[in-house]
C-alpha atoms as a PDB file:
ATOM      1  CA  MET A   1       0.027  -0.182   0.013  1.00  0.00           C
ATOM      2  CA  ASN A   2       1.593   3.302  -1.194  1.00  0.00           C
ATOM      3  CA  LYS A   3       1.576   6.041   1.266  1.00  0.00           C
ATOM      4  CA  ASN A   4       1.238   9.493   0.329  1.00  0.00           C
ATOM      5  CA  PRO A   5       4.419  11.627   1.107  1.00  0.00           C
ATOM      6  CA  ILE A   6       2.684  14.770   1.603  1.00  0.00           C
ATOM      7  CA  LEU A   7       0.572  13.446   4.298  1.00  0.00           C
ATOM      8  CA  LEU A   8       3.186  11.807   6.133  1.00  0.00           C
ATOM      9  CA  THR A   9       5.298  14.889   6.081  1.00  0.00           C
ATOM     10  CA  ALA A  10       2.432  16.870   7.384  1.00  0.00           C
ATOM     11  CA  PHE A  11       1.607  14.499   9.953  1.00  0.00           C
ATOM     12  CA  ALA A  12       5.348  14.273  11.193  1.00  0.00           C
ATOM     13  CA  LEU A  13       5.617  17.968  11.219  1.00  0.00           C
ATOM     14  CA  SER A  14       2.393  18.208  13.546  1.00  0.00           C
ATOM     15  CA  ILE A  15       4.018  15.411  15.944  1.00  0.00           C
ATOM     16  CA  PHE A  16       7.308  17.307  16.070  1.00  0.00           C
ATOM     17  CA  THR A  17       5.718  20.650  16.763  1.00  0.00           C
ATOM     18  CA  THR A  18       3.937  19.338  19.418  1.00  0.00           C
ATOM     19  CA  ALA A  19       6.490  17.480  20.968  1.00  0.00           C
ATOM     20  CA  CYS A  20       9.025  20.558  20.917  1.00  0.00           C
ATOM     21  CA  ALA A  21       6.414  23.387  21.854  1.00  0.00           C
ATOM     22  CA  PRO A  22       6.292  24.280  25.504  1.00  0.00           C
ATOM     23  CA  GLU A  23       3.275  22.899  27.409  1.00  0.00           C
ATOM     24  CA  GLN A  24       0.385  25.301  27.075  1.00  0.00           C
ATOM     25  CA  PRO A  25      -2.147  24.058  29.441  1.00  0.00           C
ATOM     26  CA  GLU A  26      -4.636  26.761  28.594  1.00  0.00           C
ATOM     27  CA  THR A  27      -5.123  25.290  24.772  1.00  0.00           C
ATOM     28  CA  ILE A  28      -5.642  21.785  23.408  1.00  0.00           C
ATOM     29  CA  ILE A  29      -4.818  21.450  19.573  1.00  0.00           C
ATOM     30  CA  GLN A  30      -6.879  19.123  17.385  1.00  0.00           C
ATOM     31  CA  ILE A  31      -5.683  18.330  13.782  1.00  0.00           C
ATOM     32  CA  GLU A  32      -8.132  17.470  11.140  1.00  0.00           C
ATOM     33  CA  THR A  33      -7.062  16.204   7.789  1.00  0.00           C
ATOM     34  CA  LEU A  34      -9.404  17.187   4.943  1.00  0.00           C
ATOM     35  CA  ILE A  35      -9.167  15.843   1.526  1.00  0.00           C
ATOM     36  CA  HIS A  36     -10.341  17.943  -1.220  1.00  0.00           C
ATOM     37  CA  THR A  37     -10.402  16.568  -4.845  1.00  0.00           C
ATOM     38  CA  VAL A  38      -9.889  18.864  -7.528  1.00  0.00           C
ATOM     39  CA  GLU A  39      -9.732  18.267 -11.190  1.00  0.00           C
ATOM     40  CA  VAL A  40      -6.216  17.855 -11.581  1.00  0.00           C
ATOM     41  CA  THR A  41      -4.150  14.865 -12.239  1.00  0.00           C
ATOM     42  CA  ARG A  42      -3.145  14.317  -8.523  1.00  0.00           C
ATOM     43  CA  GLN A  43      -4.882  14.643  -5.011  1.00  0.00           C
ATOM     44  CA  VAL A  44      -3.950  17.618  -2.828  1.00  0.00           C
ATOM     45  CA  GLU A  45      -4.081  16.979   0.721  1.00  0.00           C
ATOM     46  CA  VAL A  46      -4.721  20.013   3.075  1.00  0.00           C
ATOM     47  CA  THR A  47      -3.824  19.985   6.789  1.00  0.00           C
ATOM     48  CA  LEU A  48      -6.344  22.299   8.655  1.00  0.00           C
ATOM     49  CA  ILE A  49      -5.373  23.286  12.141  1.00  0.00           C
ATOM     50  CA  VAL A  50      -8.122  24.180  14.601  1.00  0.00           C
ATOM     51  CA  GLU A  51      -7.552  25.508  17.692  1.00  0.00           C
ATOM     52  CA  ILE A  52     -10.251  24.628  20.364  1.00  0.00           C
ATOM     53  CA  PRO A  53     -10.421  26.700  23.524  1.00  0.00           C
ATOM     54  CA  VAL A  54     -10.237  24.617  26.569  1.00  0.00           C
ATOM     55  CA  THR A  55     -10.946  25.982  30.122  1.00  0.00           C
ATOM     56  CA  VAL A  56      -8.238  24.792  32.586  1.00  0.00           C
ATOM     57  CA  THR A  57      -9.254  24.900  36.139  1.00  0.00           C
ATOM     58  CA  PRO A  58      -6.212  26.342  37.861  1.00  0.00           C
ATOM     59  CA  THR A  59      -4.533  24.893  40.742  1.00  0.00           C
ATOM     60  CA  LEU A  60      -5.271  27.241  43.731  1.00  0.00           C
ATOM     61  CA  THR A  61      -2.247  28.172  45.748  1.00  0.00           C
ATOM     62  CA  PRO A  62      -3.595  28.972  49.418  1.00  0.00           C
ATOM     63  CA  ALA A  63      -3.342  32.347  50.130  1.00  0.00           C
ATOM     64  CA  VAL A  64      -0.305  33.310  52.525  1.00  0.00           C
ATOM     65  CA  THR A  65      -1.336  34.082  56.008  1.00  0.00           C
ATOM     66  CA  ASP A  66       0.552  36.714  57.486  1.00  0.00           C
ATOM     67  CA  THR A  67       2.288  35.545  60.673  1.00  0.00           C
ATOM     68  CA  PRO A  68       1.067  37.985  63.574  1.00  0.00           C
ATOM     69  CA  THR A  69       3.782  40.295  64.472  1.00  0.00           C
ATOM     70  CA  PRO A  70       4.206  40.463  68.218  1.00  0.00           C
ATOM     71  CA  ASP A  71       3.435  43.927  69.982  1.00  0.00           C
ATOM     72  CA  TYR A  72       6.408  45.989  69.676  1.00  0.00           C
ATOM     73  CA  SER A  73       7.612  46.942  72.970  1.00  0.00           C
ATOM     74  CA  PRO A  74      10.233  49.682  72.285  1.00  0.00           C
ATOM     75  CA  THR A  75      13.465  49.810  74.152  1.00  0.00           C
ATOM     76  CA  PRO A  76      13.619  52.732  76.342  1.00  0.00           C
ATOM     77  CA  SER A  77      15.630  55.509  74.760  1.00  0.00           C
ATOM     78  CA  PHE A  78      18.965  56.383  76.101  1.00  0.00           C
ATOM     79  CA  THR A  79      18.807  59.761  78.062  1.00  0.00           C
ATOM     80  CA  PRO A  80      22.523  60.830  78.125  1.00  0.00           C
ATOM     81  CA  SER A  81      23.508  62.243  81.244  1.00  0.00           C
ATOM     82  CA  MET A  82      24.207  66.120  81.060  1.00  0.00           C
ATOM     83  CA  THR A  83      27.818  67.506  81.365  1.00  0.00           C
ATOM     84  CA  PRO A  84      27.633  71.132  82.774  1.00  0.00           C
ATOM     85  CA  THR A  85      28.811  73.418  80.199  1.00  0.00           C
ATOM     86  CA  PHE A  86      31.482  75.886  81.379  1.00  0.00           C
ATOM     87  CA  VAL A  87      30.464  79.453  81.299  1.00  0.00           C
ATOM     88  CA  VAL A  88      32.992  82.023  81.003  1.00  0.00           C
ATOM     89  CA  PRO A  89      32.790  84.406  83.784  1.00  0.00           C
ATOM     90  CA  ARG A  90      31.877  87.954  83.030  1.00  0.00           C
ATOM     91  CA  GLY A  91      32.654  91.157  84.794  1.00  0.00           C
ATOM     92  CA  LYS A  92      31.968  94.891  84.656  1.00  0.00           C
ATOM     93  CA  VAL A  93      34.503  97.472  85.439  1.00  0.00           C
ATOM     94  CA  ASN A  94      33.305  99.545  88.546  1.00  0.00           C
ATOM     95  CA  THR A  95      35.766 102.853  87.953  1.00  0.00           C
ATOM     96  CA  ARG A  96      38.315 103.769  85.430  1.00  0.00           C
ATOM     97  CA  ALA A  97      41.193 101.371  85.599  1.00  0.00           C
ATOM     98  CA  GLN A  98      44.544 100.584  84.166  1.00  0.00           C
ATOM     99  CA  CYS A  99      44.856  97.002  82.656  1.00  0.00           C
ATOM    100  CA  ARG A 100      48.651  95.791  82.926  1.00  0.00           C
ATOM    101  CA  TYR A 101      50.753  93.124  81.359  1.00  0.00           C
ATOM    102  CA  GLY A 102      50.932  91.267  84.554  1.00  0.00           C
ATOM    103  CA  PRO A 103      48.950  90.581  87.774  1.00  0.00           C
ATOM    104  CA  GLY A 104      50.331  93.641  89.973  1.00  0.00           C
ATOM    105  CA  ALA A 105      50.984  97.220  89.848  1.00  0.00           C
ATOM    106  CA  ALA A 106      54.632  96.362  89.163  1.00  0.00           C
ATOM    107  CA  TYR A 107      53.871  95.481  85.471  1.00  0.00           C
ATOM    108  CA  LEU A 108      53.683  97.814  82.600  1.00  0.00           C
ATOM    109  CA  TYR A 109      50.490  99.497  81.743  1.00  0.00           C
ATOM    110  CA  LYS A 110      48.841  97.973  78.729  1.00  0.00           C
ATOM    111  CA  TYR A 111      45.542 100.066  78.066  1.00  0.00           C
ATOM    112  CA  GLY A 112      42.760 101.842  79.936  1.00  0.00           C
ATOM    113  CA  LEU A 113      39.264 100.596  80.891  1.00  0.00           C
ATOM    114  CA  PHE A 114      36.204 102.535  81.507  1.00  0.00           C
ATOM    115  CA  GLU A 115      33.474 102.262  84.130  1.00  0.00           C
ATOM    116  CA  GLY A 116      30.857 100.124  82.877  1.00  0.00           C
ATOM    117  CA  ASP A 117      33.151  98.254  80.355  1.00  0.00           C
ATOM    118  CA  THR A 118      31.771  94.343  80.306  1.00  0.00           C
ATOM    119  CA  LEU A 119      34.423  91.793  79.881  1.00  0.00           C
ATOM    120  CA  ASP A 120      35.217  87.989  79.954  1.00  0.00           C
ATOM    121  CA  VAL A 121      37.208  86.810  82.875  1.00  0.00           C
ATOM    122  CA  ILE A 122      39.645  84.183  81.685  1.00  0.00           C
ATOM    123  CA  GLY A 123      42.068  83.708  84.452  1.00  0.00           C
ATOM    124  CA  ARG A 124      43.230  84.931  87.959  1.00  0.00           C
ATOM    125  CA  ASN A 125      46.370  84.902  90.207  1.00  0.00           C
ATOM    126  CA  GLU A 126      46.683  82.612  93.020  1.00  0.00           C
ATOM    127  CA  LEU A 127      45.149  84.781  95.882  1.00  0.00           C
ATOM    128  CA  GLY A 128      42.525  86.181  93.385  1.00  0.00           C
ATOM    129  CA  THR A 129      43.452  89.596  93.878  1.00  0.00           C
ATOM    130  CA  TRP A 130      44.015  90.143  90.181  1.00  0.00           C
ATOM    131  CA  ALA A 131      41.717  89.155  87.251  1.00  0.00           C
ATOM    132  CA  TYR A 132      42.979  88.311  83.515  1.00  0.00           C
ATOM    133  CA  ILE A 133      40.197  89.880  81.203  1.00  0.00           C
ATOM    134  CA  GLN A 134      39.700  90.571  77.642  1.00  0.00           C
ATOM    135  CA  ALA A 135      36.986  91.957  75.616  1.00  0.00           C
ATOM    136  CA  ILE A 136      33.942  89.687  74.891  1.00  0.00           C
ATOM    137  CA  GLY A 137      35.057  87.776  72.019  1.00  0.00           C
ATOM    138  CA  GLY A 138      38.441  89.516  71.939  1.00  0.00           C
ATOM    139  CA  ASN A 139      41.973  88.369  71.902  1.00  0.00           C
ATOM    140  CA  ASN A 140      44.085  90.985  73.640  1.00  0.00           C
ATOM    141  CA  PRO A 141      43.913  90.207  77.243  1.00  0.00           C
ATOM    142  CA  CYS A 142      45.488  92.175  80.129  1.00  0.00           C
ATOM    143  CA  TRP A 143      45.398  92.190  84.127  1.00  0.00           C
ATOM    144  CA  ILE A 144      43.062  94.180  86.170  1.00  0.00           C
ATOM    145  CA  ASN A 145      43.081  94.857  89.975  1.00  0.00           C
ATOM    146  CA  ALA A 146      40.112  92.266  91.048  1.00  0.00           C
ATOM    147  CA  SER A 147      38.766  95.037  93.430  1.00  0.00           C
ATOM    148  CA  LEU A 148      37.970  97.132  90.353  1.00  0.00           C
ATOM    149  CA  LEU A 149      35.741  94.544  88.527  1.00  0.00           C
ATOM    150  CA  ASP A 150      32.336  93.304  89.765  1.00  0.00           C
ATOM    151  CA  ILE A 151      31.551  89.639  88.608  1.00  0.00           C
ATOM    152  CA  THR A 152      28.070  89.561  87.002  1.00  0.00           C
ATOM    153  CA  ARG A 153      28.097  85.889  86.054  1.00  0.00           C
ATOM    154  CA  GLY A 154      30.078  82.466  86.614  1.00  0.00           C
ATOM    155  CA  ASP A 155      32.737  81.818  89.411  1.00  0.00           C
ATOM    156  CA  PHE A 156      35.734  83.766  89.287  1.00  0.00           C
ATOM    157  CA  MET A 157      37.554  81.645  91.995  1.00  0.00           C
ATOM    158  CA  GLY A 158      37.022  78.617  89.865  1.00  0.00           C
ATOM    159  CA  LEU A 159      38.909  80.005  87.081  1.00  0.00           C
ATOM    160  CA  PRO A 160      42.568  78.422  86.720  1.00  0.00           C
ATOM    161  CA  VAL A 161      45.680  80.315  88.014  1.00  0.00           C
ATOM    162  CA  THR A 162      47.274  81.897  85.023  1.00  0.00           C
ATOM    163  CA  TYR A 163      50.602  83.154  83.766  1.00  0.00           C
ATOM    164  CA  ASN A 164      51.326  84.766  80.524  1.00  0.00           C
ATOM    165  CA  ARG A 165      54.290  85.793  78.416  1.00  0.00           C
ATOM    166  CA  LEU A 166      55.642  89.355  78.945  1.00  0.00           C
ATOM    167  CA  PRO A 167      56.383  91.653  76.047  1.00  0.00           C
ATOM    168  CA  LYS A 168      60.261  91.233  75.219  1.00  0.00           C
ATOM    169  CA  SER A 169      62.685  93.961  74.398  1.00  0.00           C
ATOM    170  CA  ASP A 170      66.081  93.558  73.043  1.00  0.00           C
ATOM    171  CA  LEU A 171      66.903  97.668  73.397  1.00  0.00           C
ATOM    172  CA  TYR A 172      68.761  97.301  76.689  1.00  0.00           C
ATOM    173  CA  ASN A 173      70.878  94.596  78.549  1.00  0.00           C
ATOM    174  CA  PRO A 174      69.428  92.427  81.132  1.00  0.00           C
ATOM    175  CA  PRO A 175      70.586  93.042  84.680  1.00  0.00           C
ATOM    176  CA  ASP A 176      73.931  91.431  85.693  1.00  0.00           C
ATOM    177  CA  ALA A 177      75.439  89.799  88.805  1.00  0.00           C
ATOM    178  CA  VAL A 178      72.086  88.935  90.245  1.00  0.00           C
ATOM    179  CA  SER A 179      72.327  87.217  93.533  1.00  0.00           C
ATOM    180  CA  ALA A 180      70.276  86.541  96.887  1.00  0.00           C
ATOM    181  CA  VAL A 181      71.648  86.603 100.431  1.00  0.00           C
ATOM    182  CA  ARG A 182      69.477  85.145 103.428  1.00  0.00           C
ATOM    183  CA  VAL A 183      69.500  86.085 107.050  1.00  0.00           C
ATOM    184  CA  GLY A 184      66.754  84.057 108.940  1.00  0.00           C
ATOM    185  CA  ASN A 185      63.513  84.841 106.973  1.00  0.00           C
ATOM    186  CA  ASP A 186      64.993  87.722 105.220  1.00  0.00           C
ATOM    187  CA  VAL A 187      66.349  87.354 101.899  1.00  0.00           C
ATOM    188  CA  THR A 188      68.089  90.461 100.069  1.00  0.00           C
ATOM    189  CA  ILE A 189      68.094  90.289  96.145  1.00  0.00           C
ATOM    190  CA  GLN A 190      70.703  92.399  94.530  1.00  0.00           C
ATOM    191  CA  TRP A 191      71.909  93.259  91.038  1.00  0.00           C
ATOM    192  CA  THR A 192      74.026  95.720  88.967  1.00  0.00           C
ATOM    193  CA  TYR A 193      72.697  99.086  87.299  1.00  0.00           C
ATOM    194  CA  VAL A 194      71.749  99.117  83.648  1.00  0.00           C
ATOM    195  CA  TRP A 195      71.801 102.258  81.642  1.00  0.00           C
ATOM    196  CA  MET A 196      68.770 103.348  79.722  1.00  0.00           C
ATOM    197  CA  THR A 197      67.362 106.497  78.228  1.00  0.00           C
ATOM    198  CA  GLU A 198      65.118 108.802  80.507  1.00  0.00           C
ATOM    199  CA  ASP A 199      62.127 108.202  78.067  1.00  0.00           C
ATOM    200  CA  ASP A 200      62.500 104.615  78.228  1.00  0.00           C
ATOM    201  CA  ASP A 201      63.700 104.011  81.626  1.00  0.00           C
ATOM    202  CA  ARG A 202      61.133 101.852  83.661  1.00  0.00           C
ATOM    203  CA  GLY A 203      63.460 100.707  86.378  1.00  0.00           C
ATOM    204  CA  PHE A 204      63.534  96.746  87.153  1.00  0.00           C
ATOM    205  CA  LEU A 205      60.956  94.105  87.595  1.00  0.00           C
ATOM    206  CA  ILE A 206      61.518  91.236  90.130  1.00  0.00           C
ATOM    207  CA  GLU A 207      59.228  88.316  89.941  1.00  0.00           C
ATOM    208  CA  ALA A 208      59.472  86.301  93.342  1.00  0.00           C
ATOM    209  CA  TRP A 209      57.825  82.943  94.415  1.00  0.00           C
ATOM    210  CA  LEU A 210      58.103  83.154  98.290  1.00  0.00           C
ATOM    211  CA  CYS A 211      56.797  80.836 101.141  1.00  0.00           C
ATOM    212  CA  GLN A 212      54.540  82.469 103.452  1.00  0.00           C
ATOM    213  CA  ASP A 213      52.388  80.641 105.873  1.00  0.00           C
ATOM    214  CA  GLY A 214      53.120  77.398 104.607  1.00  0.00           C
ATOM    215  CA  GLN A 215      52.309  78.142 100.595  1.00  0.00           C
ATOM    216  CA  ILE A 216      54.112  79.724  97.744  1.00  0.00           C
ATOM    217  CA  VAL A 217      52.826  83.146  96.852  1.00  0.00           C
ATOM    218  CA  PHE A 218      53.719  84.610  93.583  1.00  0.00           C
ATOM    219  CA  THR A 219      55.025  88.147  94.399  1.00  0.00           C
ATOM    220  CA  PRO A 220      55.699  90.732  91.473  1.00  0.00           C
ATOM    221  CA  ILE A 221      57.972  93.824  92.697  1.00  0.00           C
ATOM    222  CA  GLY A 222      58.940  97.051  90.558  1.00  0.00           C
ATOM    223  CA  VAL A 223      61.609  99.176  91.514  1.00  0.00           C
ATOM    224  CA  LYS A 224      63.089 102.267  90.023  1.00  0.00           C
ATOM    225  CA  SER A 225      66.389 102.092  88.098  1.00  0.00           C
ATOM    226  CA  ASN A 226      68.500 103.476  91.004  1.00  0.00           C
ATOM    227  CA  VAL A 227      67.298 100.717  93.218  1.00  0.00           C
ATOM    228  CA  LEU A 228      69.886  97.917  93.093  1.00  0.00           C
ATOM    229  CA  ALA A 229      68.548  95.597  95.833  1.00  0.00           C
ATOM    230  CA  ILE A 230      65.302  94.650  97.802  1.00  0.00           C
ATOM    231  CA  LYS A 231      64.536  92.659 100.807  1.00  0.00           C
ATOM    232  CA  VAL A 232      61.745  90.005 100.884  1.00  0.00           C
ATOM    233  CA  THR A 233      60.577  87.533 103.544  1.00  0.00           C
ATOM    234  CA  ASP A 234      60.644  83.686 102.916  1.00  0.00           C
ATOM    235  CA  GLU A 235      59.647  81.376 105.617  1.00  0.00           C
ATOM    236  CA  PRO A 236      60.534  77.750 105.955  1.00  0.00           C
ATOM    237  CA  GLY A 237      57.654  75.122 105.817  1.00  0.00           C
ATOM    238  CA  CYS A 238      56.718  75.047 101.906  1.00  0.00           C
ATOM    239  CA  LEU A 239      57.070  71.832  99.861  1.00  0.00           C
ATOM    240  CA  GLU A 240      57.746  73.914  96.748  1.00  0.00           C
ATOM    241  CA  PRO A 241      61.136  75.848  96.329  1.00  0.00           C
ATOM    242  CA  SER A 242      61.237  79.649  96.676  1.00  0.00           C
ATOM    243  CA  GLY A 243      62.762  81.806  93.881  1.00  0.00           C
ATOM    244  CA  ALA A 244      63.064  85.051  92.224  1.00  0.00           C
ATOM    245  CA  ARG A 245      64.154  86.518  88.668  1.00  0.00           C
ATOM    246  CA  VAL A 246      65.096  89.973  87.960  1.00  0.00           C
ATOM    247  CA  TYR A 247      64.133  91.943  84.521  1.00  0.00           C
ATOM    248  CA  THR A 248      65.244  95.339  83.084  1.00  0.00           C
ATOM    249  CA  ALA A 249      62.282  97.198  82.280  1.00  0.00           C
ATOM    250  CA  GLU A 250      61.686  99.784  79.642  1.00  0.00           C
ATOM    251  CA  LYS A 251      58.426 101.128  78.255  1.00  0.00           C
ATOM    252  CA  HIS A 252      58.390  98.768  75.375  1.00  0.00           C
ATOM    253  CA  GLY A 253      58.777  95.602  77.544  1.00  0.00           C
ATOM    254  CA  TYR A 254      61.294  93.731  79.392  1.00  0.00           C
ATOM    255  CA  THR A 255      64.730  92.076  78.909  1.00  0.00           C
ATOM    256  CA  GLN A 256      65.566  88.341  79.297  1.00  0.00           C
ATOM    257  CA  TRP A 257      65.442  87.593  83.026  1.00  0.00           C
ATOM    258  CA  ARG A 258      68.320  86.718  85.242  1.00  0.00           C
ATOM    259  CA  LEU A 259      67.755  83.842  87.853  1.00  0.00           C
ATOM    260  CA  ALA A 260      68.653  84.651  91.518  1.00  0.00           C
ATOM    261  CA  ARG A 261      70.399  81.641  93.057  1.00  0.00           C
ATOM    262  CA  TRP A 262      68.166  81.179  96.132  1.00  0.00           C
ATOM    263  CA  PRO A 263      69.720  80.422  99.497  1.00  0.00           C
ATOM    264  CA  ALA A 264      68.511  77.224 101.478  1.00  0.00           C
ATOM    265  CA  TYR A 265      66.831  78.276 104.778  1.00  0.00           C
ATOM    266  CA  GLU A 266      68.488  75.638 106.880  1.00  0.00           C
ATOM    267  CA  ASN A 267      72.100  76.214 105.512  1.00  0.00           C
ATOM    268  CA  THR A 268      71.946  79.949 106.322  1.00  0.00           C
ATOM    269  CA  PRO A 269      74.261  81.037 108.853  1.00  0.00           C
ATOM    270  CA  ILE A 270      72.995  83.512 111.462  1.00  0.00           C
ATOM    271  CA  PRO A 271      75.311  86.058 112.231  1.00  0.00           C
ATOM    272  CA  SER A 272      76.480  86.328 115.767  1.00  0.00           C
ATOM    273  CA  PRO A 273      75.671  89.818 117.693  1.00  0.00           C
ATOM    274  CA  SER A 274      78.406  92.292 117.540  1.00  0.00           C
ATOM    275  CA  ASN A 275      80.597  93.089 120.734  1.00  0.00           C
ATOM    276  CA  PRO A 276      79.547  96.188 122.321  1.00  0.00           C
END
């Protein structure tokens, strides 16, 4: 029995197409073969592809049930401990005053202050008798006698004890041959004369650290240029050493200081009384 090659080819193609095509669960393909005879010397076989819609019942996926979220218990927020903010003390000048380069009347005048001037107070000396001040937001500090300043805010005695550099002058020589001699509690500091013009002459500055009542007290002393020795009181009983240094002072500033070699208290010979 002869088989028509056209029909076999069509049938094979339909099988191949069906096997290779991806699954389409939504549609079923039905193939019908129709034979139509025409007045020709051969038969023509036509393959008709008919798509028949098929309703597919989908597989239902169970809806996801949300897992209940437990009640949220917030962790108590951290409240930082408050660190006290330092408040710069402030003061008001209660009369016209001179502001100086150091904490004492022995230092050179820097500039003047007027009654009512309000200033930041940024330091003090050990005893709290002098205040280191500057204009609010300024950068040109100086020293004023604390009795001329009314503190309007802050803790003045809570400020640090302050030392500052003095303006330096190279116009004149520093004092020479600086020495110190002790007799009991009395120490005499001495030095040699330094020539200066009359206009520039501001004498000498002695910065001494003296033991008084069991503690070291910073003591600045100013003297005229014709004074070449001073006597100070230095008691025993302090843990820190006493000492002194001497500057030549002229109106523009101070020379390099010279250290007075300080005599120890216990090694000082006490002179015997003179015979009458």
